[in-house]
Amino acid sequence: MAFTLYIVSTPIGNLEDITYRAVRILKECPLVLAEDTRHSRYLLEHYSIKTPMESYHDFNKEKVTPRYVEYLKEKGDIALISDAGTPGISDPAFNLVRACIQEGIPVRAVPGASAMLAAMVSSGQPTDHFRFEGFSPKKSAQRIHLLERLKEKAEETLIFYASPHNVEKFLGEIKSVFGEIRVSLLRELTKKFEEHLHGTPTELQAHFAVHPPKGEFVLIFHPLGKG
């Protein structure tokens, strides 16, 4: 019988946001796969986890996935973590999970922190139906096209990850498609300088004119302005 791939959620900021089970699994598995081993080493050292780490990221996933499938068949369990939060949400974990399922290898999630869910439940936006779109497109025309397509449904709260480089333009594009609806922007979740911003696109753009955006944001709004 094959060994198990564990999808282990890790803190999105505050290192206390990790489960007892996650720490145990990271200690017991003979191998941890991480997007950035240098980044994840800080977490492992904090919890005295000495398990060897190897890199698994967007740039090597196609090449190394077969190697780790064979490892799971023959050698032992693997714990897969992302830079922060729940693996598989806007990161390459999906590729290894799919390959394992195709090969009959057990996959088990170790639940925990998620920036998307933490932002959603503290945003004040409707939570009964929502749609996660991941990172917003880099080009303005692509973002507008996406927003216009999403407007046709207009039944779900929409969640995006937005970079500080395009968040102001993205707000303007939301205004052009949906009008002056209520938007929530959250960043640095669980960290010392956690920030929650709420307002119309124009109000938020005015805020950024005085306080330039820093860090990645979770951007949330309902197309019908129900927030």
C-alpha atoms as a PDB file:
ATOM      1  CA  MET A   1       0.000   0.000   0.000  1.00  0.00           C
ATOM      2  CA  ALA A   2       1.284   3.485  -0.871  1.00  0.00           C
ATOM      3  CA  PHE A   3       2.200   6.052   1.733  1.00  0.00           C
ATOM      4  CA  THR A   4       0.234   9.284   2.263  1.00  0.00           C
ATOM      5  CA  LEU A   5       0.558  12.817   0.932  1.00  0.00           C
ATOM      6  CA  TYR A   6      -0.433  15.290   3.660  1.00  0.00           C
ATOM      7  CA  ILE A   7      -1.584  18.771   2.600  1.00  0.00           C
ATOM      8  CA  VAL A   8      -0.567  20.763   5.666  1.00  0.00           C
ATOM      9  CA  SER A   9      -1.866  24.275   6.316  1.00  0.00           C
ATOM     10  CA  THR A  10       0.594  26.672   7.941  1.00  0.00           C
ATOM     11  CA  PRO A  11       0.223  30.170   9.456  1.00  0.00           C
ATOM     12  CA  ILE A  12      -0.447  33.138   7.187  1.00  0.00           C
ATOM     13  CA  GLY A  13       1.367  35.475   9.576  1.00  0.00           C
ATOM     14  CA  ASN A  14       1.060  34.777  13.271  1.00  0.00           C
ATOM     15  CA  LEU A  15       3.097  31.660  14.021  1.00  0.00           C
ATOM     16  CA  GLU A  16       0.630  30.613  16.731  1.00  0.00           C
ATOM     17  CA  ASP A  17      -1.944  29.829  14.024  1.00  0.00           C
ATOM     18  CA  ILE A  18      -0.874  26.235  13.495  1.00  0.00           C
ATOM     19  CA  THR A  19      -2.560  23.093  14.777  1.00  0.00           C
ATOM     20  CA  TYR A  20      -1.074  20.461  17.051  1.00  0.00           C
ATOM     21  CA  ARG A  21      -1.716  17.934  14.307  1.00  0.00           C
ATOM     22  CA  ALA A  22       0.147  19.989  11.723  1.00  0.00           C
ATOM     23  CA  VAL A  23       3.232  20.188  13.934  1.00  0.00           C
ATOM     24  CA  ARG A  24       3.079  16.436  14.597  1.00  0.00           C
ATOM     25  CA  ILE A  25       2.723  15.559  10.917  1.00  0.00           C
ATOM     26  CA  LEU A  26       5.603  17.858   9.945  1.00  0.00           C
ATOM     27  CA  LYS A  27       7.782  16.147  12.545  1.00  0.00           C
ATOM     28  CA  GLU A  28       6.759  12.583  11.689  1.00  0.00           C
ATOM     29  CA  CYS A  29       6.899  12.694   7.888  1.00  0.00           C
ATOM     30  CA  PRO A  30      10.342  11.862   6.491  1.00  0.00           C
ATOM     31  CA  LEU A  31      10.097  14.659   3.915  1.00  0.00           C
ATOM     32  CA  VAL A  32       8.548  18.122   3.686  1.00  0.00           C
ATOM     33  CA  LEU A  33       7.935  19.813   0.336  1.00  0.00           C
ATOM     34  CA  ALA A  34       7.839  23.616   0.430  1.00  0.00           C
ATOM     35  CA  GLU A  35       7.478  26.394  -2.137  1.00  0.00           C
ATOM     36  CA  ASP A  36      10.447  28.291  -0.692  1.00  0.00           C
ATOM     37  CA  THR A  37      12.573  26.266   1.709  1.00  0.00           C
ATOM     38  CA  ARG A  38      14.339  29.372   2.989  1.00  0.00           C
ATOM     39  CA  HIS A  39      11.021  30.948   3.937  1.00  0.00           C
ATOM     40  CA  SER A  40       9.585  27.784   5.476  1.00  0.00           C
ATOM     41  CA  ARG A  41      12.736  27.002   7.456  1.00  0.00           C
ATOM     42  CA  TYR A  42      11.851  29.812   9.853  1.00  0.00           C
ATOM     43  CA  LEU A  43       8.559  28.112  10.687  1.00  0.00           C
ATOM     44  CA  LEU A  44      10.106  24.685  11.094  1.00  0.00           C
ATOM     45  CA  GLU A  45      12.876  25.997  13.324  1.00  0.00           C
ATOM     46  CA  HIS A  46      10.329  27.841  15.468  1.00  0.00           C
ATOM     47  CA  TYR A  47       8.648  24.514  16.251  1.00  0.00           C
ATOM     48  CA  SER A  48      11.900  22.492  16.446  1.00  0.00           C
ATOM     49  CA  ILE A  49      10.987  20.497  13.344  1.00  0.00           C
ATOM     50  CA  LYS A  50      14.105  18.944  11.836  1.00  0.00           C
ATOM     51  CA  THR A  51      12.501  17.134   8.898  1.00  0.00           C
ATOM     52  CA  PRO A  52      14.433  17.509   5.614  1.00  0.00           C
ATOM     53  CA  MET A  53      12.861  19.911   3.107  1.00  0.00           C
ATOM     54  CA  GLU A  54      12.895  20.017  -0.663  1.00  0.00           C
ATOM     55  CA  SER A  55      11.477  22.594  -3.069  1.00  0.00           C
ATOM     56  CA  TYR A  56       8.188  22.135  -4.885  1.00  0.00           C
ATOM     57  CA  HIS A  57       7.058  25.213  -6.791  1.00  0.00           C
ATOM     58  CA  ASP A  58       5.614  26.464 -10.072  1.00  0.00           C
ATOM     59  CA  PHE A  59       8.950  26.345 -11.860  1.00  0.00           C
ATOM     60  CA  ASN A  60       9.817  22.701 -11.136  1.00  0.00           C
ATOM     61  CA  LYS A  61       6.425  21.042 -10.561  1.00  0.00           C
ATOM     62  CA  GLU A  62       6.226  19.358 -13.967  1.00  0.00           C
ATOM     63  CA  LYS A  63       9.715  17.930 -13.666  1.00  0.00           C
ATOM     64  CA  VAL A  64       9.669  16.691 -10.072  1.00  0.00           C
ATOM     65  CA  THR A  65       6.073  15.518  -9.592  1.00  0.00           C
ATOM     66  CA  PRO A  66       6.799  11.991 -10.952  1.00  0.00           C
ATOM     67  CA  ARG A  67       9.749  11.713  -8.546  1.00  0.00           C
ATOM     68  CA  TYR A  68       7.564  12.408  -5.520  1.00  0.00           C
ATOM     69  CA  VAL A  69       4.841  10.088  -6.731  1.00  0.00           C
ATOM     70  CA  GLU A  70       7.443   7.310  -6.777  1.00  0.00           C
ATOM     71  CA  TYR A  71       8.677   8.390  -3.342  1.00  0.00           C
ATOM     72  CA  LEU A  72       5.163   8.017  -1.970  1.00  0.00           C
ATOM     73  CA  LYS A  73       4.841   4.591  -3.539  1.00  0.00           C
ATOM     74  CA  GLU A  74       8.094   3.231  -2.188  1.00  0.00           C
ATOM     75  CA  LYS A  75       9.687   5.274   0.613  1.00  0.00           C
ATOM     76  CA  GLY A  76       7.353   7.156   2.919  1.00  0.00           C
ATOM     77  CA  ASP A  77       4.853   9.906   3.631  1.00  0.00           C
ATOM     78  CA  ILE A  78       5.270  13.485   2.408  1.00  0.00           C
ATOM     79  CA  ALA A  79       4.027  16.689   4.022  1.00  0.00           C
ATOM     80  CA  LEU A  80       3.368  19.445   1.488  1.00  0.00           C
ATOM     81  CA  ILE A  81       3.249  23.081   2.648  1.00  0.00           C
ATOM     82  CA  SER A  82       2.961  26.424   0.894  1.00  0.00           C
ATOM     83  CA  ASP A  83       4.668  29.690   1.794  1.00  0.00           C
ATOM     84  CA  ALA A  84       1.649  30.491   3.966  1.00  0.00           C
ATOM     85  CA  GLY A  85      -1.870  29.205   4.472  1.00  0.00           C
ATOM     86  CA  THR A  86      -3.539  26.227   2.842  1.00  0.00           C
ATOM     87  CA  PRO A  87      -1.679  24.500  -0.007  1.00  0.00           C
ATOM     88  CA  GLY A  88      -3.608  24.226  -3.253  1.00  0.00           C
ATOM     89  CA  ILE A  89      -5.054  27.749  -3.078  1.00  0.00           C
ATOM     90  CA  SER A  90      -3.279  29.689  -5.841  1.00  0.00           C
ATOM     91  CA  ASP A  91      -0.162  27.530  -5.605  1.00  0.00           C
ATOM     92  CA  PRO A  92       1.234  24.387  -7.306  1.00  0.00           C
ATOM     93  CA  ALA A  93       0.012  21.790  -4.778  1.00  0.00           C
ATOM     94  CA  PHE A  94      -2.848  20.831  -7.099  1.00  0.00           C
ATOM     95  CA  ASN A  95      -0.455  19.175  -9.526  1.00  0.00           C
ATOM     96  CA  LEU A  96       0.942  16.701  -7.012  1.00  0.00           C
ATOM     97  CA  VAL A  97      -2.476  16.051  -5.469  1.00  0.00           C
ATOM     98  CA  ARG A  98      -3.955  15.211  -8.871  1.00  0.00           C
ATOM     99  CA  ALA A  99      -1.044  12.923  -9.753  1.00  0.00           C
ATOM    100  CA  CYS A 100      -1.380  11.083  -6.445  1.00  0.00           C
ATOM    101  CA  ILE A 101      -5.102  10.543  -6.876  1.00  0.00           C
ATOM    102  CA  GLN A 102      -4.520   9.225 -10.387  1.00  0.00           C
ATOM    103  CA  GLU A 103      -2.029   6.727  -8.964  1.00  0.00           C
ATOM    104  CA  GLY A 104      -4.226   5.678  -6.056  1.00  0.00           C
ATOM    105  CA  ILE A 105      -2.015   7.343  -3.447  1.00  0.00           C
ATOM    106  CA  PRO A 106      -3.903   8.571  -0.347  1.00  0.00           C
ATOM    107  CA  VAL A 107      -4.156  12.347   0.074  1.00  0.00           C
ATOM    108  CA  ARG A 108      -5.160  13.828   3.416  1.00  0.00           C
ATOM    109  CA  ALA A 109      -5.641  17.492   4.319  1.00  0.00           C
ATOM    110  CA  VAL A 110      -4.479  18.899   7.640  1.00  0.00           C
ATOM    111  CA  PRO A 111      -6.755  21.973   7.879  1.00  0.00           C
ATOM    112  CA  GLY A 112      -5.678  25.349   9.158  1.00  0.00           C
ATOM    113  CA  ALA A 113      -5.139  28.962   8.204  1.00  0.00           C
ATOM    114  CA  SER A 114      -6.290  30.415   4.881  1.00  0.00           C
ATOM    115  CA  ALA A 115      -5.948  34.086   3.927  1.00  0.00           C
ATOM    116  CA  MET A 116      -8.986  33.876   1.677  1.00  0.00           C
ATOM    117  CA  LEU A 117     -11.296  32.520   4.381  1.00  0.00           C
ATOM    118  CA  ALA A 118      -9.886  34.717   7.141  1.00  0.00           C
ATOM    119  CA  ALA A 119     -10.556  37.770   4.984  1.00  0.00           C
ATOM    120  CA  MET A 120     -13.975  36.584   3.869  1.00  0.00           C
ATOM    121  CA  VAL A 121     -15.405  36.004   7.343  1.00  0.00           C
ATOM    122  CA  SER A 122     -14.102  39.326   8.694  1.00  0.00           C
ATOM    123  CA  SER A 123     -15.025  41.476   5.689  1.00  0.00           C
ATOM    124  CA  GLY A 124     -18.713  42.038   6.378  1.00  0.00           C
ATOM    125  CA  GLN A 125     -19.490  40.890   2.840  1.00  0.00           C
ATOM    126  CA  PRO A 126     -22.179  38.203   2.262  1.00  0.00           C
ATOM    127  CA  THR A 127     -20.794  34.717   2.874  1.00  0.00           C
ATOM    128  CA  ASP A 128     -23.683  32.490   1.774  1.00  0.00           C
ATOM    129  CA  HIS A 129     -22.394  32.291  -1.809  1.00  0.00           C
ATOM    130  CA  PHE A 130     -18.932  33.366  -2.893  1.00  0.00           C
ATOM    131  CA  ARG A 131     -16.484  32.873  -5.733  1.00  0.00           C
ATOM    132  CA  PHE A 132     -12.698  32.893  -5.363  1.00  0.00           C
ATOM    133  CA  GLU A 133     -10.889  34.186  -8.441  1.00  0.00           C
ATOM    134  CA  GLY A 134      -7.321  34.056  -7.111  1.00  0.00           C
ATOM    135  CA  PHE A 135      -4.842  36.676  -8.290  1.00  0.00           C
ATOM    136  CA  SER A 136      -6.358  39.373 -10.473  1.00  0.00           C
ATOM    137  CA  PRO A 137      -5.043  39.480 -14.073  1.00  0.00           C
ATOM    138  CA  LYS A 138      -2.007  41.703 -14.592  1.00  0.00           C
ATOM    139  CA  LYS A 139      -3.351  43.629 -17.583  1.00  0.00           C
ATOM    140  CA  SER A 140      -6.167  46.150 -17.311  1.00  0.00           C
ATOM    141  CA  ALA A 141      -8.028  44.860 -20.361  1.00  0.00           C
ATOM    142  CA  GLN A 142      -7.983  41.341 -18.936  1.00  0.00           C
ATOM    143  CA  ARG A 143      -9.304  42.534 -15.575  1.00  0.00           C
ATOM    144  CA  ILE A 144     -12.127  44.501 -17.177  1.00  0.00           C
ATOM    145  CA  HIS A 145     -13.084  41.547 -19.379  1.00  0.00           C
ATOM    146  CA  LEU A 146     -13.179  39.292 -16.326  1.00  0.00           C
ATOM    147  CA  LEU A 147     -15.283  41.752 -14.323  1.00  0.00           C
ATOM    148  CA  GLU A 148     -17.767  42.150 -17.177  1.00  0.00           C
ATOM    149  CA  ARG A 149     -18.102  38.398 -17.454  1.00  0.00           C
ATOM    150  CA  LEU A 150     -18.658  38.060 -13.695  1.00  0.00           C
ATOM    151  CA  LYS A 151     -21.258  40.829 -13.798  1.00  0.00           C
ATOM    152  CA  GLU A 152     -23.520  38.600 -15.869  1.00  0.00           C
ATOM    153  CA  LYS A 153     -24.093  36.355 -12.817  1.00  0.00           C
ATOM    154  CA  ALA A 154     -23.933  38.978 -10.037  1.00  0.00           C
ATOM    155  CA  GLU A 155     -25.109  36.474  -7.419  1.00  0.00           C
ATOM    156  CA  GLU A 156     -21.885  35.688  -5.558  1.00  0.00           C
ATOM    157  CA  THR A 157     -19.483  37.642  -3.401  1.00  0.00           C
ATOM    158  CA  LEU A 158     -16.237  37.880  -5.363  1.00  0.00           C
ATOM    159  CA  ILE A 159     -12.798  37.367  -3.811  1.00  0.00           C
ATOM    160  CA  PHE A 160      -9.500  38.312  -5.439  1.00  0.00           C
ATOM    161  CA  TYR A 161      -5.868  38.507  -4.436  1.00  0.00           C
ATOM    162  CA  ALA A 162      -4.514  41.889  -5.545  1.00  0.00           C
ATOM    163  CA  SER A 163      -0.950  43.185  -5.613  1.00  0.00           C
ATOM    164  CA  PRO A 164       0.027  46.674  -4.413  1.00  0.00           C
ATOM    165  CA  HIS A 165       1.069  47.439  -7.997  1.00  0.00           C
ATOM    166  CA  ASN A 166      -2.406  47.160  -9.502  1.00  0.00           C
ATOM    167  CA  VAL A 167      -4.883  47.486  -6.636  1.00  0.00           C
ATOM    168  CA  GLU A 168      -5.626  51.188  -7.305  1.00  0.00           C
ATOM    169  CA  LYS A 169      -6.258  50.583 -11.000  1.00  0.00           C
ATOM    170  CA  PHE A 170      -8.314  47.517 -10.153  1.00  0.00           C
ATOM    171  CA  LEU A 171     -10.543  49.628  -7.908  1.00  0.00           C
ATOM    172  CA  GLY A 172     -11.114  52.023 -10.799  1.00  0.00           C
ATOM    173  CA  GLU A 173     -12.037  49.141 -13.065  1.00  0.00           C
ATOM    174  CA  ILE A 174     -14.466  47.764 -10.477  1.00  0.00           C
ATOM    175  CA  LYS A 175     -16.075  51.221 -10.356  1.00  0.00           C
ATOM    176  CA  SER A 176     -16.362  51.367 -14.148  1.00  0.00           C
ATOM    177  CA  VAL A 177     -18.118  47.981 -14.303  1.00  0.00           C
ATOM    178  CA  PHE A 178     -20.133  47.870 -11.053  1.00  0.00           C
ATOM    179  CA  GLY A 179     -20.351  51.495  -9.920  1.00  0.00           C
ATOM    180  CA  GLU A 180     -19.703  52.800  -6.414  1.00  0.00           C
ATOM    181  CA  ILE A 181     -20.339  49.539  -4.583  1.00  0.00           C
ATOM    182  CA  ARG A 182     -18.870  48.672  -1.202  1.00  0.00           C
ATOM    183  CA  VAL A 183     -15.443  46.993  -1.397  1.00  0.00           C
ATOM    184  CA  SER A 184     -13.393  45.404   1.379  1.00  0.00           C
ATOM    185  CA  LEU A 185      -9.600  45.302   1.265  1.00  0.00           C
ATOM    186  CA  LEU A 186      -7.647  43.326   3.858  1.00  0.00           C
ATOM    187  CA  ARG A 187      -3.899  42.882   4.205  1.00  0.00           C
ATOM    188  CA  GLU A 188      -1.267  41.661   6.683  1.00  0.00           C
ATOM    189  CA  LEU A 189      -3.848  39.286   8.152  1.00  0.00           C
ATOM    190  CA  THR A 190      -2.936  37.991  11.642  1.00  0.00           C
ATOM    191  CA  LYS A 191       0.189  40.173  11.666  1.00  0.00           C
ATOM    192  CA  LYS A 192       1.089  43.207  13.787  1.00  0.00           C
ATOM    193  CA  PHE A 193       0.009  45.724  11.144  1.00  0.00           C
ATOM    194  CA  GLU A 194      -3.173  43.957  10.031  1.00  0.00           C
ATOM    195  CA  GLU A 195      -5.391  46.382   8.128  1.00  0.00           C
ATOM    196  CA  HIS A 196      -9.050  46.249   7.120  1.00  0.00           C
ATOM    197  CA  LEU A 197     -10.323  48.885   4.687  1.00  0.00           C
ATOM    198  CA  HIS A 198     -13.957  49.281   3.629  1.00  0.00           C
ATOM    199  CA  GLY A 199     -15.527  51.781   1.266  1.00  0.00           C
ATOM    200  CA  THR A 200     -16.423  52.626  -2.306  1.00  0.00           C
ATOM    201  CA  PRO A 201     -13.744  52.398  -5.001  1.00  0.00           C
ATOM    202  CA  THR A 202     -13.437  56.191  -4.980  1.00  0.00           C
ATOM    203  CA  GLU A 203     -13.031  56.307  -1.192  1.00  0.00           C
ATOM    204  CA  LEU A 204     -10.392  53.590  -1.222  1.00  0.00           C
ATOM    205  CA  GLN A 205      -8.481  55.248  -4.065  1.00  0.00           C
ATOM    206  CA  ALA A 206      -8.488  58.468  -2.047  1.00  0.00           C
ATOM    207  CA  HIS A 207      -7.053  56.547   0.900  1.00  0.00           C
ATOM    208  CA  PHE A 208      -4.240  55.155  -1.228  1.00  0.00           C
ATOM    209  CA  ALA A 209      -3.461  58.611  -2.598  1.00  0.00           C
ATOM    210  CA  VAL A 210      -2.374  59.492   0.944  1.00  0.00           C
ATOM    211  CA  HIS A 211      -1.248  56.034   2.092  1.00  0.00           C
ATOM    212  CA  PRO A 212       0.363  54.151  -0.835  1.00  0.00           C
ATOM    213  CA  PRO A 213      -0.592  50.458  -0.859  1.00  0.00           C
ATOM    214  CA  LYS A 214       1.881  47.986   0.610  1.00  0.00           C
ATOM    215  CA  GLY A 215       1.763  44.207   0.573  1.00  0.00           C
ATOM    216  CA  GLU A 216      -0.729  41.900  -1.067  1.00  0.00           C
ATOM    217  CA  PHE A 217      -4.452  42.438  -0.505  1.00  0.00           C
ATOM    218  CA  VAL A 218      -7.513  40.256  -0.358  1.00  0.00           C
ATOM    219  CA  LEU A 219     -10.143  42.241  -2.252  1.00  0.00           C
ATOM    220  CA  ILE A 220     -13.796  41.352  -1.677  1.00  0.00           C
ATOM    221  CA  PHE A 221     -17.068  42.745  -2.980  1.00  0.00           C
ATOM    222  CA  HIS A 222     -20.589  41.724  -3.938  1.00  0.00           C
ATOM    223  CA  PRO A 223     -21.579  42.777  -7.485  1.00  0.00           C
ATOM    224  CA  LEU A 224     -24.925  44.046  -6.230  1.00  0.00           C
ATOM    225  CA  GLY A 225     -23.343  46.089  -3.447  1.00  0.00           C
ATOM    226  CA  LYS A 226     -24.738  43.965  -0.618  1.00  0.00           C
ATOM    227  CA  GLY A 227     -21.648  44.384   1.555  1.00  0.00           C
END
